[in-house]
Amino acid sequence: MSEAPHPALLPTGMHDLLPPEAEIEAAVVAQLMATLTAHGYERVKPPLVEFEETLLSGAGAAMANSTFRMMDPVSHRMIGVRADMTPQIARIAATRLGGAPRPLRLSYAGQVLRVRGSEIRPERQVGQVGAELIGAAGPAADVEAIAVAGAALKALGVPHLTVDITLPTLVPAVAEAYGIDGERAAILRAALDHKDAAAVTAFAGEAGKLLERLLLAAGPAAATLAALDRLDLPERAGAERARLGAVLDGLKAVAPELKVTVDPVENRGFEYHTGISFTFFASGSAAHGPLGELGRGGRYDAGDPGVSEPATGFTLYTDTILKALPVAPAPRRVLLPLGADRRRTDTLRAAGWVTVAALASVSDWRDEARRLGCSHVLQGDDPVAVG
């Protein structure tokens, strides 16, 4: 028999969030949601679990391998714990809000749980804040999704913000035009995702030169667009390039300060996306080490099975955002000795002070303030620094 685990031991990929990070995360979520509300996105709150057949339908099918599933003891049907909130918002839009005017703007915040983490994101419980723009098919909707996500991150003070745009339907359009399908297409897709130019040339046949040039075109938006203009793209792939140009022009107008890069062939993580997609990054603080994605999003189909409805949106990850933010100044905490005037303490809280009320008398209030993590102690009517 093995010994009982320590009470603080948690499953792999799970973490306690302690002071002050838990408070900071709550403030971050509130600020992000305030920005989304200011841009017209109305909040919805889907449940933590759903019936398996609805949770994993449509866009949710891409999350099937990441979803915890169990038998519901009440209905005796299989249910799943959400691994991503976007499919839930699509379900709400198609059912409960099916008759609402389009375009429909919805926002959300909550926790998701995944069967396993990834090398890039080992956490299995992840905080998400996001927005979905449903029922708009044009490039203006893509521009809005990217710009609103950027505005939400900028409002938090995330430094050195960049967005990488990708076209997950571009390579399939090229493959279709050159008759590449089945296992050959899957091998080619993997080679492109790993940036393996030699393997691309070996498996792509007549399309090899074109795909190699697409692979090398990744970089700053203007340079990538110019590189794509020099290529003889098949008709459907050319339409993807034209849409990319319209989106980049729109971003220049509404978010000129946002640094934009483009990777025409990247697909990992965008398997259910049907058009222009994007990922946000930031340099972050060296104290936290390299940062992963702040969030990602893109175009997808939000309709019920058999009924298509265009949509685009994004999901931001609170754990990565916390690492990217500058170190916040510690709040002003003042110890209130026994008998402190209530009206005065109310005034201090209204002015932004955090008040900590003493529950017993001590001989040295300054020492007590330091012990309890207070920067000040109330003496008379005024907070006095304890050093």
Protein backbone atom coordinates (compact mmCIF):
# COMPACT_ATOMS: atom_id res chain seq x y z
CA MET A 1 0.00 0.00 0.00
CA SER A 2 1.31 3.43 -0.95
CA GLU A 3 1.17 6.24 1.54
CA ALA A 4 -1.67 8.74 1.29
CA PRO A 5 -0.69 11.76 -0.84
CA HIS A 6 0.12 15.03 0.82
CA PRO A 7 -3.00 17.23 1.11
CA ALA A 8 -1.39 19.87 -1.13
CA LEU A 9 -0.60 17.39 -3.92
CA LEU A 10 -2.79 17.92 -6.99
CA PRO A 11 -3.23 15.98 -10.24
CA THR A 12 -0.82 16.79 -13.05
CA GLY A 13 -1.78 20.02 -14.79
CA MET A 14 -3.79 21.38 -11.84
CA HIS A 15 -2.69 24.29 -9.66
CA ASP A 16 -3.88 26.34 -6.71
CA LEU A 17 -3.86 30.07 -7.38
CA LEU A 18 -2.76 31.86 -4.21
CA PRO A 19 -2.69 35.53 -3.11
CA PRO A 20 -2.12 37.86 -4.80
CA GLU A 21 -2.39 36.01 -8.15
CA ALA A 22 -5.99 34.90 -7.57
CA GLU A 23 -7.05 38.50 -6.95
CA ILE A 24 -5.08 39.70 -9.97
CA GLU A 25 -6.70 37.06 -12.18
CA ALA A 26 -10.19 38.14 -11.05
CA ALA A 27 -9.33 41.76 -11.89
CA VAL A 28 -7.94 40.70 -15.29
CA VAL A 29 -11.12 38.81 -16.14
CA ALA A 30 -13.25 41.79 -15.07
CA GLN A 31 -11.19 44.19 -17.21
CA LEU A 32 -11.29 41.92 -20.26
CA MET A 33 -15.06 41.48 -19.96
CA ALA A 34 -15.51 45.24 -19.55
CA THR A 35 -13.70 45.81 -22.85
CA LEU A 36 -15.81 43.20 -24.62
CA THR A 37 -19.00 44.74 -23.20
CA ALA A 38 -17.89 48.18 -24.40
CA HIS A 39 -17.62 46.74 -27.94
CA GLY A 40 -21.17 45.40 -27.88
CA TYR A 41 -20.57 41.79 -26.81
CA GLU A 42 -23.23 40.47 -24.42
CA ARG A 43 -22.25 37.93 -21.78
CA VAL A 44 -23.58 34.38 -21.67
CA LYS A 45 -22.81 31.63 -19.16
CA PRO A 46 -22.95 28.04 -20.43
CA PRO A 47 -22.89 25.09 -17.99
CA LEU A 48 -19.74 23.26 -16.97
CA VAL A 49 -21.04 19.95 -18.40
CA GLU A 50 -23.32 19.03 -21.30
CA PHE A 51 -24.63 15.93 -22.96
CA GLU A 52 -21.88 14.36 -25.02
CA GLU A 53 -23.76 14.46 -28.33
CA THR A 54 -24.30 18.22 -28.16
CA LEU A 55 -20.96 19.18 -26.59
CA LEU A 56 -18.99 17.29 -29.25
CA SER A 57 -21.06 18.20 -32.30
CA GLY A 58 -20.10 20.76 -34.92
CA ALA A 59 -16.99 22.71 -33.92
CA GLY A 60 -16.89 20.73 -30.66
CA ALA A 61 -15.85 17.56 -32.52
CA ALA A 62 -12.25 18.88 -32.61
CA MET A 63 -12.16 18.70 -28.79
CA ALA A 64 -13.38 15.10 -28.48
CA ASN A 65 -9.97 13.68 -27.50
CA SER A 66 -9.50 16.41 -24.88
CA THR A 67 -12.88 15.98 -23.17
CA PHE A 68 -13.51 14.25 -19.84
CA ARG A 69 -16.61 12.05 -20.18
CA MET A 70 -18.75 10.26 -17.61
CA MET A 71 -22.18 8.78 -17.06
CA ASP A 72 -24.79 11.19 -15.68
CA PRO A 73 -26.42 9.35 -12.72
CA VAL A 74 -29.67 11.28 -13.23
CA SER A 75 -30.33 10.90 -16.96
CA HIS A 76 -28.14 7.79 -17.46
CA ARG A 77 -26.68 9.49 -20.54
CA MET A 78 -23.05 10.31 -21.27
CA ILE A 79 -22.01 13.84 -20.42
CA GLY A 80 -18.76 15.73 -21.01
CA VAL A 81 -16.90 18.42 -19.09
CA ARG A 82 -16.22 21.29 -21.46
CA ALA A 83 -12.68 21.45 -22.84
CA ASP A 84 -13.38 24.68 -24.74
CA MET A 85 -16.20 27.19 -24.48
CA THR A 86 -16.49 28.24 -28.14
CA PRO A 87 -18.62 25.22 -29.18
CA GLN A 88 -20.97 25.95 -26.29
CA ILE A 89 -21.45 29.53 -27.49
CA ALA A 90 -22.14 28.22 -31.01
CA ARG A 91 -24.81 25.90 -29.56
CA ILE A 92 -26.46 28.74 -27.65
CA ALA A 93 -26.46 30.92 -30.76
CA ALA A 94 -28.00 28.18 -32.91
CA THR A 95 -30.67 27.14 -30.38
CA ARG A 96 -31.62 29.49 -27.53
CA LEU A 97 -30.69 32.58 -29.57
CA GLY A 98 -31.53 31.14 -32.98
CA GLY A 99 -34.09 33.87 -33.62
CA ALA A 100 -31.94 36.77 -32.36
CA PRO A 101 -30.88 39.42 -34.92
CA ARG A 102 -27.59 38.80 -36.69
CA PRO A 103 -24.77 39.53 -36.41
CA LEU A 104 -24.86 38.23 -32.85
CA ARG A 105 -22.12 39.34 -30.45
CA LEU A 106 -21.61 37.13 -27.39
CA SER A 107 -18.90 37.04 -24.71
CA TYR A 108 -18.01 34.59 -21.95
CA ALA A 109 -15.58 33.80 -19.13
CA GLY A 110 -14.99 30.54 -17.30
CA GLN A 111 -12.81 27.51 -16.66
CA VAL A 112 -12.32 24.54 -18.97
CA LEU A 113 -10.89 21.09 -18.21
CA ARG A 114 -8.85 18.92 -20.58
CA VAL A 115 -7.85 15.27 -20.43
CA ARG A 116 -4.21 16.17 -20.95
CA GLY A 117 -2.09 19.23 -21.49
CA SER A 118 0.29 19.84 -24.35
CA GLU A 119 4.00 20.50 -24.47
CA ILE A 120 3.29 24.18 -25.00
CA ARG A 121 0.40 24.33 -22.51
CA PRO A 122 0.81 21.65 -19.80
CA GLU A 123 -2.08 23.01 -17.73
CA ARG A 124 -5.25 20.93 -17.87
CA GLN A 125 -7.54 23.47 -16.21
CA VAL A 126 -7.47 26.74 -18.11
CA GLY A 127 -9.27 30.04 -17.61
CA GLN A 128 -10.86 31.40 -20.79
CA VAL A 129 -12.30 34.79 -21.71
CA GLY A 130 -13.64 35.20 -25.20
CA ALA A 131 -16.05 36.64 -27.71
CA GLU A 132 -17.92 35.26 -30.71
CA LEU A 133 -19.27 37.25 -33.68
CA ILE A 134 -21.90 35.04 -35.26
CA GLY A 135 -23.77 35.53 -38.54
CA ALA A 136 -21.28 37.80 -40.36
CA ALA A 137 -19.36 36.37 -43.30
CA GLY A 138 -17.35 39.33 -44.62
CA PRO A 139 -13.76 40.38 -43.89
CA ALA A 140 -15.02 43.23 -41.67
CA ALA A 141 -15.99 40.59 -39.08
CA ASP A 142 -12.46 39.12 -39.16
CA VAL A 143 -11.06 42.62 -38.65
CA GLU A 144 -13.38 43.25 -35.70
CA ALA A 145 -12.48 39.99 -33.95
CA ILE A 146 -8.74 40.66 -34.21
CA ALA A 147 -9.06 44.34 -33.29
CA VAL A 148 -11.33 43.73 -30.26
CA ALA A 149 -9.03 40.99 -28.92
CA GLY A 150 -6.07 43.34 -29.34
CA ALA A 151 -7.95 46.17 -27.62
CA ALA A 152 -8.81 43.91 -24.66
CA LEU A 153 -5.17 42.88 -24.20
CA LYS A 154 -3.90 46.43 -24.69
CA ALA A 155 -6.31 47.74 -22.03
CA LEU A 156 -4.62 45.38 -19.54
CA GLY A 157 -1.21 46.80 -20.35
CA VAL A 158 0.18 43.72 -22.12
CA PRO A 159 3.53 44.87 -23.59
CA HIS A 160 4.89 44.25 -27.09
CA LEU A 161 1.67 42.74 -28.41
CA THR A 162 1.77 40.89 -31.76
CA VAL A 163 -0.79 38.89 -33.72
CA ASP A 164 0.11 36.10 -36.12
CA ILE A 165 -2.50 35.51 -38.84
CA THR A 166 -2.78 32.17 -40.58
CA LEU A 167 -4.86 30.78 -43.43
CA PRO A 168 -5.77 27.17 -42.51
CA THR A 169 -7.81 26.73 -45.71
CA LEU A 170 -5.07 27.91 -48.09
CA VAL A 171 -3.06 24.67 -48.21
CA PRO A 172 -6.22 22.53 -48.68
CA ALA A 173 -7.14 24.78 -51.62
CA VAL A 174 -3.73 24.21 -53.21
CA ALA A 175 -3.88 20.47 -52.50
CA GLU A 176 -7.32 20.22 -54.08
CA ALA A 177 -6.17 22.03 -57.22
CA TYR A 178 -3.23 19.62 -57.61
CA GLY A 179 -5.19 16.47 -56.76
CA ILE A 180 -3.42 15.80 -53.45
CA ASP A 181 -5.68 13.91 -51.07
CA GLY A 182 -5.91 11.05 -48.58
CA GLU A 183 -2.78 9.87 -46.76
CA ARG A 184 -0.54 11.92 -49.02
CA ALA A 185 -2.36 15.10 -48.02
CA ALA A 186 -2.05 14.20 -44.31
CA ILE A 187 1.71 13.61 -44.64
CA LEU A 188 2.08 16.89 -46.50
CA ARG A 189 0.09 18.72 -43.85
CA ALA A 190 2.36 17.38 -41.11
CA ALA A 191 5.48 18.37 -43.08
CA LEU A 192 4.19 21.92 -43.48
CA ASP A 193 3.32 22.20 -39.79
CA HIS A 194 6.87 21.12 -38.93
CA LYS A 195 8.33 23.55 -41.52
CA ASP A 196 10.11 20.64 -43.21
CA ALA A 197 10.79 22.00 -46.69
CA ALA A 198 12.53 18.82 -47.88
CA ALA A 199 9.55 16.64 -46.95
CA VAL A 200 7.17 19.11 -48.57
CA THR A 201 9.10 18.91 -51.84
CA ALA A 202 9.19 15.12 -51.65
CA PHE A 203 5.46 14.59 -51.09
CA ALA A 204 3.89 17.53 -52.95
CA GLY A 205 4.82 16.57 -56.51
CA GLU A 206 3.94 19.33 -58.97
CA ALA A 207 2.74 21.54 -56.09
CA GLY A 208 6.09 21.27 -54.30
CA LYS A 209 7.63 24.50 -55.57
CA LEU A 210 4.49 26.51 -54.82
CA LEU A 211 4.10 25.08 -51.31
CA GLU A 212 7.80 25.61 -50.57
CA ARG A 213 7.44 29.28 -51.51
CA LEU A 214 4.34 29.55 -49.34
CA LEU A 215 6.33 28.02 -46.49
CA LEU A 216 9.08 30.62 -46.94
CA ALA A 217 6.60 33.51 -47.20
CA ALA A 218 5.90 33.63 -43.44
CA GLY A 219 6.90 36.91 -41.80
CA PRO A 220 5.77 40.52 -41.40
CA ALA A 221 2.36 41.09 -42.97
CA ALA A 222 3.47 43.43 -45.76
CA ALA A 223 6.32 41.14 -46.84
CA THR A 224 4.10 38.04 -46.81
CA LEU A 225 1.41 39.77 -48.83
CA ALA A 226 3.99 40.85 -51.42
CA ALA A 227 5.35 37.29 -51.58
CA LEU A 228 1.87 35.88 -52.14
CA ASP A 229 1.27 38.39 -54.94
CA ARG A 230 4.24 36.95 -56.81
CA LEU A 231 2.79 33.41 -56.76
CA ASP A 232 0.49 31.82 -59.34
CA LEU A 233 -2.16 30.59 -56.92
CA PRO A 234 -5.11 28.35 -57.86
CA GLU A 235 -8.45 30.16 -57.97
CA ARG A 236 -9.70 29.23 -54.49
CA ALA A 237 -6.29 29.91 -52.94
CA GLY A 238 -6.23 33.27 -54.72
CA ALA A 239 -9.54 34.15 -53.05
CA GLU A 240 -7.94 33.39 -49.67
CA ARG A 241 -5.09 35.75 -50.48
CA ALA A 242 -7.55 38.48 -51.52
CA ARG A 243 -9.42 38.15 -48.24
CA LEU A 244 -6.16 38.34 -46.31
CA GLY A 245 -5.38 41.61 -48.08
CA ALA A 246 -8.79 43.04 -47.15
CA VAL A 247 -8.32 42.05 -43.49
CA LEU A 248 -4.82 43.56 -43.33
CA ASP A 249 -6.12 46.80 -44.85
CA GLY A 250 -8.91 46.86 -42.27
CA LEU A 251 -6.47 46.33 -39.40
CA LYS A 252 -4.29 49.19 -40.62
CA ALA A 253 -7.32 51.46 -40.34
CA VAL A 254 -8.68 50.39 -36.93
CA ALA A 255 -5.56 49.08 -35.13
CA PRO A 256 -2.51 50.68 -36.80
CA GLU A 257 -0.32 50.15 -33.73
CA LEU A 258 -0.83 46.35 -33.73
CA LYS A 259 2.19 44.39 -35.01
CA VAL A 260 0.95 41.78 -37.51
CA THR A 261 2.76 38.75 -38.94
CA VAL A 262 1.38 36.13 -41.34
CA ASP A 263 2.10 32.41 -41.67
CA PRO A 264 0.25 31.16 -44.79
CA VAL A 265 0.66 27.43 -44.06
CA GLU A 266 0.30 27.05 -40.25
CA ASN A 267 -2.61 24.82 -39.25
CA ARG A 268 -1.86 23.26 -35.83
CA GLY A 269 -4.62 24.19 -33.40
CA PHE A 270 -6.87 25.53 -36.17
CA GLU A 271 -8.31 22.21 -37.31
CA TYR A 272 -11.97 23.29 -37.14
CA HIS A 273 -11.40 26.79 -38.52
CA THR A 274 -12.80 27.63 -41.95
CA GLY A 275 -10.95 30.83 -42.79
CA ILE A 276 -8.62 33.51 -41.49
CA SER A 277 -7.38 32.62 -38.00
CA PHE A 278 -4.98 34.28 -35.57
CA THR A 279 -2.86 33.93 -32.43
CA PHE A 280 -1.76 36.66 -30.00
CA PHE A 281 1.69 36.75 -28.40
CA ALA A 282 3.66 39.14 -26.16
CA SER A 283 7.25 39.38 -24.97
CA GLY A 284 6.24 39.25 -21.29
CA SER A 285 8.45 39.42 -18.21
CA ALA A 286 11.79 37.60 -18.17
CA ALA A 287 10.98 36.47 -14.63
CA HIS A 288 8.31 34.14 -16.00
CA GLY A 289 10.43 32.70 -18.82
CA PRO A 290 9.17 32.22 -22.40
CA LEU A 291 5.48 32.90 -22.90
CA GLY A 292 3.01 30.84 -24.88
CA GLU A 293 -0.10 32.04 -26.63
CA LEU A 294 -2.14 34.79 -25.00
CA GLY A 295 -5.11 33.68 -27.05
CA ARG A 296 -6.26 32.54 -30.45
CA GLY A 297 -9.28 32.67 -32.68
CA GLY A 298 -10.58 32.65 -36.21
CA ARG A 299 -13.40 31.84 -38.56
CA TYR A 300 -15.56 28.73 -38.09
CA ASP A 301 -19.05 27.36 -38.75
CA ALA A 302 -21.39 28.00 -35.81
CA GLY A 303 -24.46 26.33 -37.32
CA ASP A 304 -26.22 23.13 -36.36
CA PRO A 305 -25.22 19.98 -38.28
CA GLY A 306 -26.51 20.48 -41.81
CA VAL A 307 -27.23 24.19 -41.27
CA SER A 308 -24.25 26.46 -41.87
CA GLU A 309 -23.78 29.82 -40.15
CA PRO A 310 -20.58 31.87 -40.52
CA ALA A 311 -18.83 32.98 -37.36
CA THR A 312 -15.54 34.26 -36.07
CA GLY A 313 -14.25 34.88 -32.56
CA PHE A 314 -11.42 34.44 -30.12
CA THR A 315 -10.45 32.91 -26.78
CA LEU A 316 -7.94 34.53 -24.41
CA TYR A 317 -6.07 32.47 -21.79
CA THR A 318 -5.88 34.07 -18.36
CA ASP A 319 -2.91 32.02 -17.13
CA THR A 320 -0.63 33.20 -19.94
CA ILE A 321 -1.94 36.76 -19.72
CA LEU A 322 -0.98 36.92 -16.04
CA LYS A 323 2.61 36.02 -16.95
CA ALA A 324 2.71 38.70 -19.65
CA LEU A 325 1.58 41.59 -17.45
CA PRO A 326 4.03 43.97 -15.79
CA VAL A 327 4.46 43.44 -12.06
CA ALA A 328 1.58 45.24 -10.37
CA PRO A 329 2.28 47.49 -7.38
CA ALA A 330 1.22 45.99 -4.08
CA PRO A 331 -2.09 47.38 -2.79
CA ARG A 332 -2.01 49.85 0.11
CA ARG A 333 -2.92 47.79 3.18
CA VAL A 334 -3.56 49.49 6.49
CA LEU A 335 -3.96 47.75 9.85
CA LEU A 336 -6.88 49.06 11.90
CA PRO A 337 -6.22 48.83 15.65
CA LEU A 338 -9.08 47.90 17.94
CA GLY A 339 -11.61 50.69 18.30
CA ALA A 340 -10.77 52.46 15.01
CA ASP A 341 -13.45 54.95 13.95
CA ARG A 342 -15.84 53.25 11.52
CA ARG A 343 -16.54 56.37 9.47
CA ARG A 344 -12.82 56.94 8.99
CA THR A 345 -12.23 53.35 7.90
CA ASP A 346 -15.12 53.60 5.43
CA THR A 347 -13.46 56.70 3.99
CA LEU A 348 -10.14 54.86 3.62
CA ARG A 349 -11.75 51.99 1.72
CA ALA A 350 -13.54 54.43 -0.56
CA ALA A 351 -10.14 56.00 -1.30
CA GLY A 352 -8.71 52.64 -2.38
CA TRP A 353 -7.09 51.39 0.82
CA VAL A 354 -7.33 47.74 1.83
CA THR A 355 -8.19 47.68 5.52
CA VAL A 356 -7.28 44.82 7.85
CA ALA A 357 -9.10 44.97 11.19
CA ALA A 358 -7.25 43.78 14.29
CA LEU A 359 -9.15 41.21 16.30
CA ALA A 360 -7.11 41.43 19.50
CA SER A 361 -4.97 44.01 21.28
CA VAL A 362 -1.17 43.90 20.89
CA SER A 363 1.66 45.86 22.48
CA ASP A 364 3.23 47.06 19.19
CA TRP A 365 0.83 47.85 16.35
CA ARG A 366 3.64 48.56 13.88
CA ASP A 367 5.11 45.08 14.36
CA GLU A 368 1.64 43.61 14.05
CA ALA A 369 1.07 45.49 10.79
CA ARG A 370 4.30 44.10 9.34
CA ARG A 371 3.40 40.58 10.50
CA LEU A 372 0.07 40.76 8.70
CA GLY A 373 1.57 42.14 5.48
CA CYS A 374 0.27 45.70 5.96
CA SER A 375 2.26 48.65 4.66
CA HIS A 376 0.59 51.09 7.08
CA VAL A 377 -1.08 51.25 10.48
CA LEU A 378 -3.86 53.68 11.36
CA GLN A 379 -2.72 56.17 14.00
CA GLY A 380 -5.41 58.66 14.90
CA ASP A 381 -7.03 59.60 11.59
CA ASP A 382 -4.04 58.91 9.33
CA PRO A 383 -2.33 55.79 7.91
CA VAL A 384 1.34 55.76 8.88
CA ALA A 385 3.94 53.71 7.00
CA VAL A 386 5.51 50.95 9.06
CA GLY A 387 8.72 50.64 6.99
